Full PDB file with SEQRES, HELIX, SHEET, SSBOND, CRYST1, ORIGX, SCALE, CONECT and MASTER records, all heavy atoms in Angstrom:
SEQRES   1 A   42  ILE VAL SER LYS PRO LEU LYS ASN TYR GLU SER ILE LEU          
SEQRES   2 A   42  GLN PRO PRO ASP PHE PHE ARG VAL HIS GLN SER TYR LEU          
SEQRES   3 A   42  ILE ASN ASN HIS CYS ILE THR SER TYR SER ARG GLU GLY          
SEQRES   4 A   42  MET ILE GLU                                                  
HELIX    1 AA1 LEU A    6  GLU A   10  1                                   5    
HELIX    2 AA2 ASN A   29  CYS A   31  5                                   3    
SHEET    1 AA1 2 PHE A  18  HIS A  22  0                                        
SHEET    2 AA1 2 TYR A  25  ASN A  28 -1                                        
CRYST1    1.000    1.000    1.000  90.00  90.00  90.00 P 1           1          
ORIGX1      1.000000  0.000000  0.000000        0.00000                         
ORIGX2      0.000000  1.000000  0.000000        0.00000                         
ORIGX3      0.000000  0.000000  1.000000        0.00000                         
SCALE1      1.000000  0.000000  0.000000        0.00000                         
SCALE2      0.000000  1.000000  0.000000        0.00000                         
SCALE3      0.000000  0.000000  1.000000        0.00000                         
ATOM      1  N   ILE A   1     -15.844   1.855  -2.320  1.00  0.00           N  
ATOM      2  CA  ILE A   1     -15.617   2.812  -1.233  1.00  0.00           C  
ATOM      3  C   ILE A   1     -16.248   2.259   0.042  1.00  0.00           C  
ATOM      4  O   ILE A   1     -17.460   1.956   0.065  1.00  0.00           O  
ATOM      5  CB  ILE A   1     -16.185   4.191  -1.563  1.00  0.00           C  
ATOM      6  CG1 ILE A   1     -15.562   4.726  -2.829  1.00  0.00           C  
ATOM      7  CG2 ILE A   1     -15.940   5.159  -0.402  1.00  0.00           C  
ATOM      8  CD1 ILE A   1     -16.160   6.045  -3.344  1.00  0.00           C  
ATOM      9  N   VAL A   2     -15.453   2.122   1.086  1.00  0.00           N  
ATOM     10  CA  VAL A   2     -15.870   1.553   2.369  1.00  0.00           C  
ATOM     11  C   VAL A   2     -15.754   2.616   3.458  1.00  0.00           C  
ATOM     12  O   VAL A   2     -14.767   3.360   3.492  1.00  0.00           O  
ATOM     13  CB  VAL A   2     -15.017   0.321   2.726  1.00  0.00           C  
ATOM     14  CG1 VAL A   2     -15.444  -0.273   4.039  1.00  0.00           C  
ATOM     15  CG2 VAL A   2     -15.086  -0.718   1.619  1.00  0.00           C  
ATOM     16  N   SER A   3     -16.720   2.687   4.329  1.00  0.00           N  
ATOM     17  CA  SER A   3     -16.718   3.704   5.379  1.00  0.00           C  
ATOM     18  C   SER A   3     -15.930   3.253   6.602  1.00  0.00           C  
ATOM     19  O   SER A   3     -16.441   3.200   7.731  1.00  0.00           O  
ATOM     20  CB  SER A   3     -18.146   4.083   5.785  1.00  0.00           C  
ATOM     21  OG  SER A   3     -18.838   2.927   6.252  1.00  0.00           O  
ATOM     22  N   LYS A   4     -14.672   2.868   6.367  1.00  0.00           N  
ATOM     23  CA  LYS A   4     -13.737   2.508   7.427  1.00  0.00           C  
ATOM     24  C   LYS A   4     -12.381   3.109   7.077  1.00  0.00           C  
ATOM     25  O   LYS A   4     -12.032   3.184   5.897  1.00  0.00           O  
ATOM     26  CB  LYS A   4     -13.614   0.973   7.595  1.00  0.00           C  
ATOM     27  CG  LYS A   4     -14.855   0.316   8.167  1.00  0.00           C  
ATOM     28  CD  LYS A   4     -14.613  -1.162   8.417  1.00  0.00           C  
ATOM     29  CE  LYS A   4     -15.865  -1.820   9.008  1.00  0.00           C  
ATOM     30  NZ  LYS A   4     -15.637  -3.261   9.279  1.00  0.00           N  
ATOM     31  N   PRO A   5     -11.607   3.522   8.088  1.00  0.00           N  
ATOM     32  CA  PRO A   5     -10.307   4.120   7.793  1.00  0.00           C  
ATOM     33  C   PRO A   5      -9.304   3.079   7.295  1.00  0.00           C  
ATOM     34  O   PRO A   5      -9.451   1.881   7.530  1.00  0.00           O  
ATOM     35  CB  PRO A   5      -9.877   4.700   9.158  1.00  0.00           C  
ATOM     36  CG  PRO A   5     -10.597   3.846  10.169  1.00  0.00           C  
ATOM     37  CD  PRO A   5     -11.903   3.486   9.526  1.00  0.00           C  
ATOM     38  N   LEU A   6      -8.259   3.574   6.656  1.00  0.00           N  
ATOM     39  CA  LEU A   6      -7.247   2.707   6.082  1.00  0.00           C  
ATOM     40  C   LEU A   6      -6.537   1.862   7.127  1.00  0.00           C  
ATOM     41  O   LEU A   6      -6.144   0.725   6.840  1.00  0.00           O  
ATOM     42  CB  LEU A   6      -6.228   3.529   5.287  1.00  0.00           C  
ATOM     43  CG  LEU A   6      -5.184   2.753   4.478  1.00  0.00           C  
ATOM     44  CD1 LEU A   6      -5.831   1.821   3.484  1.00  0.00           C  
ATOM     45  CD2 LEU A   6      -4.242   3.732   3.757  1.00  0.00           C  
ATOM     46  N   LYS A   7      -6.369   2.382   8.320  1.00  0.00           N  
ATOM     47  CA  LYS A   7      -5.657   1.637   9.365  1.00  0.00           C  
ATOM     48  C   LYS A   7      -6.361   0.323   9.673  1.00  0.00           C  
ATOM     49  O   LYS A   7      -5.731  -0.629  10.119  1.00  0.00           O  
ATOM     50  CB  LYS A   7      -5.499   2.467  10.622  1.00  0.00           C  
ATOM     51  CG  LYS A   7      -6.790   2.829  11.352  1.00  0.00           C  
ATOM     52  CD  LYS A   7      -6.537   3.644  12.586  1.00  0.00           C  
ATOM     53  CE  LYS A   7      -7.823   3.966  13.336  1.00  0.00           C  
ATOM     54  NZ  LYS A   7      -7.578   4.768  14.556  1.00  0.00           N  
ATOM     55  N   ASN A   8      -7.670   0.270   9.488  1.00  0.00           N  
ATOM     56  CA  ASN A   8      -8.407  -0.958   9.726  1.00  0.00           C  
ATOM     57  C   ASN A   8      -7.948  -2.051   8.777  1.00  0.00           C  
ATOM     58  O   ASN A   8      -7.897  -3.242   9.142  1.00  0.00           O  
ATOM     59  CB  ASN A   8      -9.924  -0.727   9.563  1.00  0.00           C  
ATOM     60  CG  ASN A   8     -10.752  -1.940   9.925  1.00  0.00           C  
ATOM     61  OD1 ASN A   8     -11.005  -2.176  11.085  1.00  0.00           O  
ATOM     62  ND2 ASN A   8     -11.157  -2.688   8.923  1.00  0.00           N  
ATOM     63  N   TYR A   9      -7.637  -1.685   7.524  1.00  0.00           N  
ATOM     64  CA  TYR A   9      -7.242  -2.660   6.527  1.00  0.00           C  
ATOM     65  C   TYR A   9      -5.730  -2.890   6.538  1.00  0.00           C  
ATOM     66  O   TYR A   9      -5.260  -3.960   6.130  1.00  0.00           O  
ATOM     67  CB  TYR A   9      -7.736  -2.218   5.147  1.00  0.00           C  
ATOM     68  CG  TYR A   9      -9.245  -2.245   5.105  1.00  0.00           C  
ATOM     69  CD1 TYR A   9      -9.980  -1.050   5.210  1.00  0.00           C  
ATOM     70  CD2 TYR A   9      -9.948  -3.437   5.048  1.00  0.00           C  
ATOM     71  CE1 TYR A   9     -11.352  -1.070   5.198  1.00  0.00           C  
ATOM     72  CE2 TYR A   9     -11.329  -3.467   5.057  1.00  0.00           C  
ATOM     73  CZ  TYR A   9     -12.040  -2.265   5.134  1.00  0.00           C  
ATOM     74  OH  TYR A   9     -13.400  -2.314   5.159  1.00  0.00           O  
ATOM     75  N   GLU A  10      -4.969  -1.904   6.982  1.00  0.00           N  
ATOM     76  CA  GLU A  10      -3.510  -2.112   7.136  1.00  0.00           C  
ATOM     77  C   GLU A  10      -3.216  -3.233   8.095  1.00  0.00           C  
ATOM     78  O   GLU A  10      -2.233  -3.961   7.947  1.00  0.00           O  
ATOM     79  CB  GLU A  10      -2.878  -0.802   7.625  1.00  0.00           C  
ATOM     80  CG  GLU A  10      -1.358  -0.895   7.755  1.00  0.00           C  
ATOM     81  CD  GLU A  10      -0.758   0.384   8.329  1.00  0.00           C  
ATOM     82  OE1 GLU A  10      -1.518   1.204   8.872  1.00  0.00           O  
ATOM     83  OE2 GLU A  10       0.472   0.512   8.286  1.00  0.00           O  
ATOM     84  N   SER A  11      -4.097  -3.419   9.100  1.00  0.00           N  
ATOM     85  CA  SER A  11      -3.850  -4.465  10.110  1.00  0.00           C  
ATOM     86  C   SER A  11      -4.138  -5.872   9.575  1.00  0.00           C  
ATOM     87  O   SER A  11      -3.742  -6.845  10.195  1.00  0.00           O  
ATOM     88  CB  SER A  11      -4.707  -4.182  11.331  1.00  0.00           C  
ATOM     89  OG  SER A  11      -6.086  -4.347  11.063  1.00  0.00           O  
ATOM     90  N   ILE A  12      -4.820  -5.995   8.443  1.00  0.00           N  
ATOM     91  CA  ILE A  12      -5.108  -7.316   7.891  1.00  0.00           C  
ATOM     92  C   ILE A  12      -4.439  -7.565   6.542  1.00  0.00           C  
ATOM     93  O   ILE A  12      -4.149  -8.707   6.197  1.00  0.00           O  
ATOM     94  CB  ILE A  12      -6.635  -7.558   7.794  1.00  0.00           C  
ATOM     95  CG1 ILE A  12      -7.324  -6.490   6.956  1.00  0.00           C  
ATOM     96  CG2 ILE A  12      -7.248  -7.630   9.160  1.00  0.00           C  
ATOM     97  CD1 ILE A  12      -8.816  -6.731   6.775  1.00  0.00           C  
ATOM     98  N   LEU A  13      -4.194  -6.509   5.773  1.00  0.00           N  
ATOM     99  CA  LEU A  13      -3.465  -6.642   4.484  1.00  0.00           C  
ATOM    100  C   LEU A  13      -2.014  -6.263   4.761  1.00  0.00           C  
ATOM    101  O   LEU A  13      -1.621  -5.102   4.647  1.00  0.00           O  
ATOM    102  CB  LEU A  13      -4.095  -5.752   3.424  1.00  0.00           C  
ATOM    103  CG  LEU A  13      -5.547  -6.032   3.090  1.00  0.00           C  
ATOM    104  CD1 LEU A  13      -6.107  -5.002   2.132  1.00  0.00           C  
ATOM    105  CD2 LEU A  13      -5.725  -7.454   2.542  1.00  0.00           C  
ATOM    106  N   GLN A  14      -1.228  -7.254   5.148  1.00  0.00           N  
ATOM    107  CA  GLN A  14       0.098  -7.001   5.714  1.00  0.00           C  
ATOM    108  C   GLN A  14       1.228  -7.410   4.783  1.00  0.00           C  
ATOM    109  O   GLN A  14       1.028  -8.150   3.828  1.00  0.00           O  
ATOM    110  CB  GLN A  14       0.226  -7.754   7.050  1.00  0.00           C  
ATOM    111  CG  GLN A  14      -0.775  -7.295   8.104  1.00  0.00           C  
ATOM    112  CD  GLN A  14      -0.621  -8.110   9.382  1.00  0.00           C  
ATOM    113  OE1 GLN A  14      -0.018  -9.171   9.421  1.00  0.00           O  
ATOM    114  NE2 GLN A  14      -1.162  -7.567  10.455  1.00  0.00           N  
ATOM    115  N   PRO A  15       2.472  -6.927   5.084  1.00  0.00           N  
ATOM    116  CA  PRO A  15       3.637  -7.425   4.365  1.00  0.00           C  
ATOM    117  C   PRO A  15       3.798  -8.937   4.526  1.00  0.00           C  
ATOM    118  O   PRO A  15       3.327  -9.483   5.537  1.00  0.00           O  
ATOM    119  CB  PRO A  15       4.799  -6.680   5.040  1.00  0.00           C  
ATOM    120  CG  PRO A  15       4.183  -5.475   5.646  1.00  0.00           C  
ATOM    121  CD  PRO A  15       2.789  -5.924   6.076  1.00  0.00           C  
ATOM    122  N   PRO A  16       4.388  -9.616   3.554  1.00  0.00           N  
ATOM    123  CA  PRO A  16       5.069  -9.042   2.391  1.00  0.00           C  
ATOM    124  C   PRO A  16       4.161  -8.736   1.196  1.00  0.00           C  
ATOM    125  O   PRO A  16       4.616  -8.196   0.211  1.00  0.00           O  
ATOM    126  CB  PRO A  16       6.077 -10.158   2.019  1.00  0.00           C  
ATOM    127  CG  PRO A  16       5.355 -11.420   2.394  1.00  0.00           C  
ATOM    128  CD  PRO A  16       4.601 -11.073   3.665  1.00  0.00           C  
ATOM    129  N   ASP A  17       2.873  -9.111   1.281  1.00  0.00           N  
ATOM    130  CA  ASP A  17       1.998  -8.926   0.122  1.00  0.00           C  
ATOM    131  C   ASP A  17       1.550  -7.476  -0.044  1.00  0.00           C  
ATOM    132  O   ASP A  17       1.415  -6.985  -1.167  1.00  0.00           O  
ATOM    133  CB  ASP A  17       0.783  -9.841   0.230  1.00  0.00           C  
ATOM    134  CG  ASP A  17       1.149 -11.302   0.249  1.00  0.00           C  
ATOM    135  OD1 ASP A  17       1.989 -11.696  -0.577  1.00  0.00           O  
ATOM    136  OD2 ASP A  17       0.649 -12.051   1.110  1.00  0.00           O  
ATOM    137  N   PHE A  18       1.298  -6.803   1.090  1.00  0.00           N  
ATOM    138  CA  PHE A  18       0.861  -5.424   1.042  1.00  0.00           C  
ATOM    139  C   PHE A  18       1.778  -4.554   1.895  1.00  0.00           C  
ATOM    140  O   PHE A  18       2.433  -5.064   2.822  1.00  0.00           O  
ATOM    141  CB  PHE A  18      -0.585  -5.278   1.567  1.00  0.00           C  
ATOM    142  CG  PHE A  18      -1.625  -5.782   0.603  1.00  0.00           C  
ATOM    143  CD1 PHE A  18      -1.887  -7.136   0.485  1.00  0.00           C  
ATOM    144  CD2 PHE A  18      -2.338  -4.888  -0.185  1.00  0.00           C  
ATOM    145  CE1 PHE A  18      -2.853  -7.613  -0.402  1.00  0.00           C  
ATOM    146  CE2 PHE A  18      -3.282  -5.342  -1.084  1.00  0.00           C  
ATOM    147  CZ  PHE A  18      -3.526  -6.706  -1.196  1.00  0.00           C  
ATOM    148  N   PHE A  19       1.814  -3.257   1.566  1.00  0.00           N  
ATOM    149  CA  PHE A  19       2.694  -2.344   2.323  1.00  0.00           C  
ATOM    150  C   PHE A  19       2.092  -0.957   2.269  1.00  0.00           C  
ATOM    151  O   PHE A  19       1.672  -0.489   1.207  1.00  0.00           O  
ATOM    152  CB  PHE A  19       4.101  -2.326   1.715  1.00  0.00           C  
ATOM    153  CG  PHE A  19       5.097  -1.593   2.571  1.00  0.00           C  
ATOM    154  CD1 PHE A  19       5.658  -2.198   3.700  1.00  0.00           C  
ATOM    155  CD2 PHE A  19       5.467  -0.298   2.266  1.00  0.00           C  
ATOM    156  CE1 PHE A  19       6.571  -1.515   4.492  1.00  0.00           C  
ATOM    157  CE2 PHE A  19       6.378   0.394   3.053  1.00  0.00           C  
ATOM    158  CZ  PHE A  19       6.939  -0.219   4.177  1.00  0.00           C  
ATOM    159  N   ARG A  20       2.050  -0.300   3.425  1.00  0.00           N  
ATOM    160  CA  ARG A  20       1.557   1.093   3.467  1.00  0.00           C  
ATOM    161  C   ARG A  20       2.727   2.011   3.182  1.00  0.00           C  
ATOM    162  O   ARG A  20       3.547   2.285   4.062  1.00  0.00           O  
ATOM    163  CB  ARG A  20       0.909   1.391   4.815  1.00  0.00           C  
ATOM    164  CG  ARG A  20       0.199   2.753   4.806  1.00  0.00           C  
ATOM    165  CD  ARG A  20      -0.742   2.905   5.988  1.00  0.00           C  
ATOM    166  NE  ARG A  20      -1.484   4.148   5.914  1.00  0.00           N  
ATOM    167  CZ  ARG A  20      -2.437   4.485   6.777  1.00  0.00           C  
ATOM    168  NH1 ARG A  20      -2.747   3.671   7.773  1.00  0.00           N  
ATOM    169  NH2 ARG A  20      -3.069   5.651   6.659  1.00  0.00           N  
ATOM    170  N   VAL A  21       2.788   2.492   1.970  1.00  0.00           N  
ATOM    171  CA  VAL A  21       3.934   3.292   1.518  1.00  0.00           C  
ATOM    172  C   VAL A  21       3.771   4.763   1.844  1.00  0.00           C  
ATOM    173  O   VAL A  21       4.713   5.565   1.738  1.00  0.00           O  
ATOM    174  CB  VAL A  21       4.146   3.159  -0.009  1.00  0.00           C  
ATOM    175  CG1 VAL A  21       4.532   1.729  -0.357  1.00  0.00           C  
ATOM    176  CG2 VAL A  21       2.890   3.593  -0.767  1.00  0.00           C  
ATOM    177  N   HIS A  22       2.578   5.150   2.252  1.00  0.00           N  
ATOM    178  CA  HIS A  22       2.276   6.558   2.474  1.00  0.00           C  
ATOM    179  C   HIS A  22       1.069   6.640   3.418  1.00  0.00           C  
ATOM    180  O   HIS A  22       0.320   5.672   3.525  1.00  0.00           O  
ATOM    181  CB  HIS A  22       1.962   7.235   1.115  1.00  0.00           C  
ATOM    182  CG  HIS A  22       1.801   8.715   1.153  1.00  0.00           C  
ATOM    183  ND1 HIS A  22       0.653   9.326   1.557  1.00  0.00           N  
ATOM    184  CD2 HIS A  22       2.669   9.702   0.793  1.00  0.00           C  
ATOM    185  CE1 HIS A  22       0.790  10.636   1.459  1.00  0.00           C  
ATOM    186  NE2 HIS A  22       2.035  10.887   1.011  1.00  0.00           N  
ATOM    187  N   GLN A  23       0.907   7.756   4.063  1.00  0.00           N  
ATOM    188  CA  GLN A  23      -0.250   7.924   4.948  1.00  0.00           C  
ATOM    189  C   GLN A  23      -1.559   7.676   4.226  1.00  0.00           C  
ATOM    190  O   GLN A  23      -2.543   7.206   4.818  1.00  0.00           O  
ATOM    191  CB  GLN A  23      -0.259   9.341   5.544  1.00  0.00           C  
ATOM    192  CG  GLN A  23      -1.380   9.592   6.550  1.00  0.00           C  
ATOM    193  CD  GLN A  23      -1.311  10.965   7.157  1.00  0.00           C  
ATOM    194  OE1 GLN A  23      -0.340  11.706   6.938  1.00  0.00           O  
ATOM    195  NE2 GLN A  23      -2.308  11.320   7.935  1.00  0.00           N  
ATOM    196  N   SER A  24      -1.580   7.956   2.941  1.00  0.00           N  
ATOM    197  CA  SER A  24      -2.830   7.836   2.167  1.00  0.00           C  
ATOM    198  C   SER A  24      -2.936   6.565   1.350  1.00  0.00           C  
ATOM    199  O   SER A  24      -4.010   6.311   0.776  1.00  0.00           O  
ATOM    200  CB  SER A  24      -2.962   9.043   1.216  1.00  0.00           C  
ATOM    201  OG  SER A  24      -2.973  10.251   1.931  1.00  0.00           O  
ATOM    202  N   TYR A  25      -1.875   5.753   1.256  1.00  0.00           N  
ATOM    203  CA  TYR A  25      -1.887   4.624   0.338  1.00  0.00           C  
ATOM    204  C   TYR A  25      -1.387   3.317   0.960  1.00  0.00           C  
ATOM    205  O   TYR A  25      -0.350   3.309   1.643  1.00  0.00           O  
ATOM    206  CB  TYR A  25      -1.026   4.920  -0.898  1.00  0.00           C  
ATOM    207  CG  TYR A  25      -1.498   6.090  -1.692  1.00  0.00           C  
ATOM    208  CD1 TYR A  25      -0.901   7.346  -1.556  1.00  0.00           C  
ATOM    209  CD2 TYR A  25      -2.553   5.964  -2.613  1.00  0.00           C  
ATOM    210  CE1 TYR A  25      -1.333   8.432  -2.303  1.00  0.00           C  
ATOM    211  CE2 TYR A  25      -2.982   7.036  -3.371  1.00  0.00           C  
ATOM    212  CZ  TYR A  25      -2.370   8.287  -3.205  1.00  0.00           C  
ATOM    213  OH  TYR A  25      -2.804   9.349  -3.929  1.00  0.00           O  
ATOM    214  N   LEU A  26      -2.117   2.256   0.658  1.00  0.00           N  
ATOM    215  CA  LEU A  26      -1.694   0.869   0.976  1.00  0.00           C  
ATOM    216  C   LEU A  26      -1.695   0.131  -0.341  1.00  0.00           C  
ATOM    217  O   LEU A  26      -2.703   0.085  -1.055  1.00  0.00           O  
ATOM    218  CB  LEU A  26      -2.690   0.236   1.963  1.00  0.00           C  
ATOM    219  CG  LEU A  26      -2.481  -1.241   2.309  1.00  0.00           C  
ATOM    220  CD1 LEU A  26      -1.219  -1.399   3.138  1.00  0.00           C  
ATOM    221  CD2 LEU A  26      -3.699  -1.776   3.064  1.00  0.00           C  
ATOM    222  N   ILE A  27      -0.528  -0.430  -0.709  1.00  0.00           N  
ATOM    223  CA  ILE A  27      -0.427  -1.026  -2.058  1.00  0.00           C  
ATOM    224  C   ILE A  27      -0.229  -2.543  -1.992  1.00  0.00           C  
ATOM    225  O   ILE A  27       0.257  -3.095  -1.000  1.00  0.00           O  
ATOM    226  CB  ILE A  27       0.746  -0.410  -2.841  1.00  0.00           C  
ATOM    227  CG1 ILE A  27       2.092  -0.775  -2.234  1.00  0.00           C  
ATOM    228  CG2 ILE A  27       0.582   1.121  -2.945  1.00  0.00           C  
ATOM    229  CD1 ILE A  27       3.288  -0.413  -3.101  1.00  0.00           C  
ATOM    230  N   ASN A  28      -0.639  -3.190  -3.098  1.00  0.00           N  
ATOM    231  CA  ASN A  28      -0.368  -4.607  -3.305  1.00  0.00           C  
ATOM    232  C   ASN A  28       0.975  -4.734  -3.980  1.00  0.00           C  
ATOM    233  O   ASN A  28       1.167  -4.302  -5.124  1.00  0.00           O  
ATOM    234  CB  ASN A  28      -1.465  -5.231  -4.193  1.00  0.00           C  
ATOM    235  CG  ASN A  28      -1.316  -6.713  -4.361  1.00  0.00           C  
ATOM    236  OD1 ASN A  28      -0.219  -7.291  -4.170  1.00  0.00           O  
ATOM    237  ND2 ASN A  28      -2.403  -7.393  -4.700  1.00  0.00           N  
ATOM    238  N   ASN A  29       1.957  -5.290  -3.284  1.00  0.00           N  
ATOM    239  CA  ASN A  29       3.331  -5.362  -3.812  1.00  0.00           C  
ATOM    240  C   ASN A  29       3.428  -6.205  -5.081  1.00  0.00           C  
ATOM    241  O   ASN A  29       4.374  -6.049  -5.866  1.00  0.00           O  
ATOM    242  CB  ASN A  29       4.270  -5.934  -2.748  1.00  0.00           C  
ATOM    243  CG  ASN A  29       4.387  -4.981  -1.564  1.00  0.00           C  
ATOM    244  OD1 ASN A  29       4.295  -3.785  -1.708  1.00  0.00           O  
ATOM    245  ND2 ASN A  29       4.597  -5.546  -0.370  1.00  0.00           N  
ATOM    246  N   HIS A  30       2.461  -7.100  -5.310  1.00  0.00           N  
ATOM    247  CA  HIS A  30       2.463  -7.941  -6.493  1.00  0.00           C  
ATOM    248  C   HIS A  30       1.962  -7.176  -7.742  1.00  0.00           C  
ATOM    249  O   HIS A  30       2.017  -7.699  -8.833  1.00  0.00           O  
ATOM    250  CB  HIS A  30       1.638  -9.186  -6.292  1.00  0.00           C  
ATOM    251  CG  HIS A  30       2.091 -10.014  -5.126  1.00  0.00           C  
ATOM    252  ND1 HIS A  30       3.293 -10.681  -5.118  1.00  0.00           N  
ATOM    253  CD2 HIS A  30       1.503 -10.280  -3.921  1.00  0.00           C  
ATOM    254  CE1 HIS A  30       3.429 -11.334  -3.960  1.00  0.00           C  
ATOM    255  NE2 HIS A  30       2.359 -11.105  -3.224  1.00  0.00           N  
ATOM    256  N   CYS A  31       1.443  -5.960  -7.501  1.00  0.00           N  
ATOM    257  CA  CYS A  31       0.888  -5.166  -8.605  1.00  0.00           C  
ATOM    258  C   CYS A  31       1.796  -3.979  -8.960  1.00  0.00           C  
ATOM    259  O   CYS A  31       1.384  -3.097  -9.696  1.00  0.00           O  
ATOM    260  CB  CYS A  31      -0.501  -4.652  -8.246  1.00  0.00           C  
ATOM    261  SG  CYS A  31      -1.722  -5.956  -8.014  1.00  0.00           S  
ATOM    262  N   ILE A  32       3.023  -3.993  -8.472  1.00  0.00           N  
ATOM    263  CA  ILE A  32       4.003  -2.946  -8.795  1.00  0.00           C  
ATOM    264  C   ILE A  32       4.637  -3.278 -10.161  1.00  0.00           C  
ATOM    265  O   ILE A  32       5.080  -4.388 -10.382  1.00  0.00           O  
ATOM    266  CB  ILE A  32       5.084  -2.841  -7.713  1.00  0.00           C  
ATOM    267  CG1 ILE A  32       4.476  -2.410  -6.381  1.00  0.00           C  
ATOM    268  CG2 ILE A  32       6.179  -1.866  -8.138  1.00  0.00           C  
ATOM    269  CD1 ILE A  32       5.478  -2.469  -5.221  1.00  0.00           C  
ATOM    270  N   THR A  33       4.700  -2.275 -11.034  1.00  0.00           N  
ATOM    271  CA  THR A  33       5.401  -2.485 -12.311  1.00  0.00           C  
ATOM    272  C   THR A  33       6.788  -1.853 -12.269  1.00  0.00           C  
ATOM    273  O   THR A  33       7.714  -2.339 -12.924  1.00  0.00           O  
ATOM    274  CB  THR A  33       4.593  -1.895 -13.481  1.00  0.00           C  
ATOM    275  OG1 THR A  33       4.332  -0.514 -13.240  1.00  0.00           O  
ATOM    276  CG2 THR A  33       3.277  -2.622 -13.638  1.00  0.00           C  
ATOM    277  N   SER A  34       6.961  -0.782 -11.482  1.00  0.00           N  
ATOM    278  CA  SER A  34       8.290  -0.175 -11.343  1.00  0.00           C  
ATOM    279  C   SER A  34       8.272   0.788 -10.157  1.00  0.00           C  
ATOM    280  O   SER A  34       7.213   1.224  -9.702  1.00  0.00           O  
ATOM    281  CB  SER A  34       8.675   0.589 -12.606  1.00  0.00           C  
ATOM    282  OG  SER A  34       7.847   1.716 -12.808  1.00  0.00           O  
ATOM    283  N   TYR A  35       9.480   1.080  -9.634  1.00  0.00           N  
ATOM    284  CA  TYR A  35       9.606   2.094  -8.600  1.00  0.00           C  
ATOM    285  C   TYR A  35      10.971   2.750  -8.739  1.00  0.00           C  
ATOM    286  O   TYR A  35      11.921   2.133  -9.258  1.00  0.00           O  
ATOM    287  CB  TYR A  35       9.430   1.495  -7.204  1.00  0.00           C  
ATOM    288  CG  TYR A  35      10.411   0.422  -6.813  1.00  0.00           C  
ATOM    289  CD1 TYR A  35      11.592   0.734  -6.146  1.00  0.00           C  
ATOM    290  CD2 TYR A  35      10.159  -0.916  -7.100  1.00  0.00           C  
ATOM    291  CE1 TYR A  35      12.498  -0.272  -5.774  1.00  0.00           C  
ATOM    292  CE2 TYR A  35      11.045  -1.916  -6.750  1.00  0.00           C  
ATOM    293  CZ  TYR A  35      12.203  -1.583  -6.077  1.00  0.00           C  
ATOM    294  OH  TYR A  35      13.102  -2.561  -5.725  1.00  0.00           O  
ATOM    295  N   SER A  36      11.069   3.979  -8.279  1.00  0.00           N  
ATOM    296  CA  SER A  36      12.302   4.757  -8.442  1.00  0.00           C  
ATOM    297  C   SER A  36      12.916   5.081  -7.091  1.00  0.00           C  
ATOM    298  O   SER A  36      12.242   5.077  -6.062  1.00  0.00           O  
ATOM    299  CB  SER A  36      12.006   6.065  -9.194  1.00  0.00           C  
ATOM    300  OG  SER A  36      11.248   6.944  -8.370  1.00  0.00           O  
ATOM    301  N   ARG A  37      14.205   5.364  -7.120  1.00  0.00           N  
ATOM    302  CA  ARG A  37      14.901   5.780  -5.901  1.00  0.00           C  
ATOM    303  C   ARG A  37      14.420   7.124  -5.394  1.00  0.00           C  
ATOM    304  O   ARG A  37      14.610   7.458  -4.230  1.00  0.00           O  
ATOM    305  CB  ARG A  37      16.414   5.852  -6.169  1.00  0.00           C  
ATOM    306  CG  ARG A  37      17.074   4.481  -6.312  1.00  0.00           C  
ATOM    307  CD  ARG A  37      17.076   3.749  -4.998  1.00  0.00           C  
ATOM    308  NE  ARG A  37      17.559   2.384  -5.120  1.00  0.00           N  
ATOM    309  CZ  ARG A  37      17.567   1.525  -4.101  1.00  0.00           C  
ATOM    310  NH1 ARG A  37      17.126   1.873  -2.929  1.00  0.00           N  
ATOM    311  NH2 ARG A  37      17.977   0.268  -4.301  1.00  0.00           N  
ATOM    312  N   GLU A  38      13.773   7.864  -6.287  1.00  0.00           N  
ATOM    313  CA  GLU A  38      13.245   9.150  -5.869  1.00  0.00           C  
ATOM    314  C   GLU A  38      11.975   9.006  -5.031  1.00  0.00           C  
ATOM    315  O   GLU A  38      11.494   9.942  -4.432  1.00  0.00           O  
ATOM    316  CB  GLU A  38      12.945  10.018  -7.100  1.00  0.00           C  
ATOM    317  CG  GLU A  38      14.176  10.560  -7.819  1.00  0.00           C  
ATOM    318  CD  GLU A  38      14.953   9.449  -8.536  1.00  0.00           C  
ATOM    319  OE1 GLU A  38      14.284   8.507  -9.043  1.00  0.00           O  
ATOM    320  OE2 GLU A  38      16.182   9.514  -8.545  1.00  0.00           O  
ATOM    321  N   GLY A  39      11.417   7.794  -5.052  1.00  0.00           N  
ATOM    322  CA  GLY A  39      10.251   7.544  -4.206  1.00  0.00           C  
ATOM    323  C   GLY A  39       8.924   7.560  -4.897  1.00  0.00           C  
ATOM    324  O   GLY A  39       7.913   7.965  -4.317  1.00  0.00           O  
ATOM    325  N   MET A  40       8.866   7.075  -6.151  1.00  0.00           N  
ATOM    326  CA  MET A  40       7.598   6.986  -6.874  1.00  0.00           C  
ATOM    327  C   MET A  40       7.399   5.541  -7.347  1.00  0.00           C  
ATOM    328  O   MET A  40       8.318   4.889  -7.791  1.00  0.00           O  
ATOM    329  CB  MET A  40       7.588   7.921  -8.099  1.00  0.00           C  
ATOM    330  CG  MET A  40       7.745   9.391  -7.732  1.00  0.00           C  
ATOM    331  SD  MET A  40       6.469  10.024  -6.620  1.00  0.00           S  
ATOM    332  CE  MET A  40       5.013   9.903  -7.667  1.00  0.00           C  
ATOM    333  N   ILE A  41       6.156   5.071  -7.190  1.00  0.00           N  
ATOM    334  CA  ILE A  41       5.834   3.692  -7.553  1.00  0.00           C  
ATOM    335  C   ILE A  41       4.778   3.715  -8.655  1.00  0.00           C  
ATOM    336  O   ILE A  41       3.784   4.457  -8.550  1.00  0.00           O  
ATOM    337  CB  ILE A  41       5.242   2.911  -6.346  1.00  0.00           C  
ATOM    338  CG1 ILE A  41       6.245   2.910  -5.190  1.00  0.00           C  
ATOM    339  CG2 ILE A  41       4.885   1.475  -6.750  1.00  0.00           C  
ATOM    340  CD1 ILE A  41       5.662   2.384  -3.888  1.00  0.00           C  
ATOM    341  N   GLU A  42       4.990   2.931  -9.701  1.00  0.00           N  
ATOM    342  CA  GLU A  42       3.955   2.783 -10.733  1.00  0.00           C  
ATOM    343  C   GLU A  42       3.266   1.453 -10.538  1.00  0.00           C  
ATOM    344  O   GLU A  42       3.916   0.389 -10.481  1.00  0.00           O  
ATOM    345  CB  GLU A  42       4.562   2.884 -12.144  1.00  0.00           C  
ATOM    346  CG  GLU A  42       3.488   2.833 -13.223  1.00  0.00           C  
ATOM    347  CD  GLU A  42       4.026   3.044 -14.622  1.00  0.00           C  
ATOM    348  OE1 GLU A  42       5.067   3.732 -14.758  1.00  0.00           O  
ATOM    349  OE2 GLU A  42       3.409   2.513 -15.566  1.00  0.00           O  
TER     350      GLU A  42                                                      
MASTER        0    0    0    2    2    0    0    6  349    1    0    4          
END                                                                             
């Protein structure tokens, strides 16, 4: 847990490796196992 907002890390962990899929989440695209058209990522 780091005392900095997510936007600070969104600016350095960028596509194509990372993607901010939601206001609350920034994900590593290489760690996705599945995703649905309904909009859920595992």
